Amino acid sequence: MGLEFQRDGTQSSARLTGELTIYTVGELKTALASELVAVDALEIDLTGVTEMDTAGLQLMLIAKRYPGKTVQFVNHPPAVLRLVDLANLGSALGDPLYLAAVES
């Protein structure tokens, strides 16, 4: 699991790579909360997510509902789209759900 932030004033972008599962969400939750305290808006690129379970989905929902902050997830890979579709939570996340480009 990797998470890299790039901050520009009150906005930040992040790139998440690896697994978004019960084994990684604790560390990710702490890192996301720390970043959200410092910025008004956060865009998280999910292109590099290789696996996700319901704990990862729960973390996404928690981030989206962080009080007073705007969080957007972009570049949803198949691992994320499958679970969001299965749980029927696309509208709850509120992000356009586009399949991330796959490098050949």
Protein backbone atom coordinates (compact mmCIF):
# COMPACT_ATOMS: atom_id res chain seq x y z
CA MET A 1 0.00 0.00 0.00
CA GLY A 2 1.29 3.41 -0.92
CA LEU A 3 -0.17 6.87 -0.49
CA GLU A 4 1.52 10.02 -1.78
CA PHE A 5 0.15 13.54 -1.30
CA GLN A 6 0.86 16.70 -3.28
CA ARG A 7 -0.48 19.85 -1.67
CA ASP A 8 -1.20 23.15 -3.40
CA GLY A 9 -2.51 25.67 -0.90
CA THR A 10 -5.83 24.43 0.47
CA GLN A 11 -6.11 21.63 -2.08
CA SER A 12 -4.35 18.32 -2.19
CA SER A 13 -4.12 15.37 -4.53
CA ALA A 14 -3.15 11.85 -3.61
CA ARG A 15 -2.22 8.69 -5.45
CA LEU A 16 -3.17 5.44 -3.78
CA THR A 17 -1.44 2.22 -4.83
CA GLY A 18 -1.68 -1.40 -3.73
CA GLU A 19 -4.38 -2.99 -1.61
CA LEU A 20 -7.25 -1.09 -0.03
CA THR A 21 -8.28 -3.82 2.41
CA ILE A 22 -8.85 -4.50 6.07
CA TYR A 23 -5.09 -4.98 6.40
CA THR A 24 -4.25 -1.46 5.18
CA VAL A 25 -7.19 0.82 6.00
CA GLY A 26 -6.05 1.65 9.55
CA GLU A 27 -2.85 3.25 8.34
CA LEU A 28 -4.61 4.87 5.39
CA LYS A 29 -7.36 6.31 7.59
CA THR A 30 -4.77 8.01 9.80
CA ALA A 31 -2.92 9.47 6.80
CA LEU A 32 -6.12 10.68 5.12
CA ALA A 33 -7.42 12.29 8.31
CA SER A 34 -4.13 14.13 8.82
CA GLU A 35 -4.23 15.48 5.28
CA LEU A 36 -7.90 16.47 5.47
CA VAL A 37 -7.25 18.52 8.60
CA ALA A 38 -4.79 20.64 6.60
CA VAL A 39 -6.76 21.16 3.35
CA ASP A 40 -10.25 22.00 2.11
CA ALA A 41 -10.31 19.62 -0.86
CA LEU A 42 -8.66 16.30 -1.64
CA GLU A 43 -8.65 14.38 -4.91
CA ILE A 44 -7.59 10.74 -4.62
CA ASP A 45 -6.38 8.87 -7.72
CA LEU A 46 -7.25 5.17 -7.39
CA THR A 47 -5.51 4.00 -10.59
CA GLY A 48 -2.97 1.93 -8.65
CA VAL A 49 -5.44 0.09 -6.39
CA THR A 50 -5.03 -3.63 -7.05
CA GLU A 51 -7.50 -5.07 -4.53
CA MET A 52 -10.31 -3.71 -2.40
CA ASP A 53 -12.68 -5.17 0.17
CA THR A 54 -15.57 -3.74 2.18
CA ALA A 55 -13.16 -2.13 4.65
CA GLY A 56 -11.73 -0.12 1.75
CA LEU A 57 -15.22 0.82 0.63
CA GLN A 58 -16.04 1.94 4.16
CA LEU A 59 -12.92 4.12 4.23
CA MET A 60 -13.98 5.75 0.96
CA LEU A 61 -17.41 6.55 2.42
CA ILE A 62 -15.88 7.95 5.63
CA ALA A 63 -13.58 10.20 3.59
CA LYS A 64 -16.48 11.44 1.43
CA ARG A 65 -18.42 12.40 4.56
CA TYR A 66 -15.57 14.16 6.33
CA PRO A 67 -17.17 17.33 7.75
CA GLY A 68 -16.49 20.53 5.83
CA LYS A 69 -14.20 18.91 3.26
CA THR A 70 -14.55 17.98 -0.39
CA VAL A 71 -13.16 14.56 -1.31
CA GLN A 72 -13.27 13.17 -4.83
CA PHE A 73 -12.08 9.77 -6.04
CA VAL A 74 -10.90 9.51 -9.65
CA ASN A 75 -9.64 6.80 -12.02
CA HIS A 76 -11.47 3.85 -10.49
CA PRO A 77 -9.79 0.53 -11.42
CA PRO A 78 -11.81 -2.67 -11.95
CA ALA A 79 -11.18 -3.84 -8.36
CA VAL A 80 -12.93 -0.72 -7.05
CA LEU A 81 -15.71 -0.57 -9.64
CA ARG A 82 -16.74 -4.18 -9.00
CA LEU A 83 -17.21 -3.60 -5.28
CA VAL A 84 -18.93 -0.23 -5.68
CA ASP A 85 -21.31 -1.83 -8.18
CA LEU A 86 -21.91 -4.91 -6.02
CA ALA A 87 -22.71 -2.74 -2.99
CA ASN A 88 -24.78 -0.35 -5.16
CA LEU A 89 -22.95 2.64 -3.64
CA GLY A 90 -22.06 4.59 -6.77
CA SER A 91 -24.52 7.36 -5.95
CA ALA A 92 -23.41 7.46 -2.29
CA LEU A 93 -19.85 8.17 -3.41
CA GLY A 94 -21.07 10.81 -5.82
CA ASP A 95 -18.05 10.61 -8.12
CA PRO A 96 -18.22 9.92 -11.84
CA LEU A 97 -17.30 6.24 -12.11
CA TYR A 98 -14.98 5.81 -15.06
CA LEU A 99 -12.74 2.85 -15.62
CA ALA A 100 -9.09 3.82 -15.25
CA ALA A 101 -6.94 3.49 -18.35
CA VAL A 102 -5.08 0.19 -18.45
CA GLU A 103 -1.46 0.29 -19.56
CA SER A 104 -0.45 -2.47 -21.94
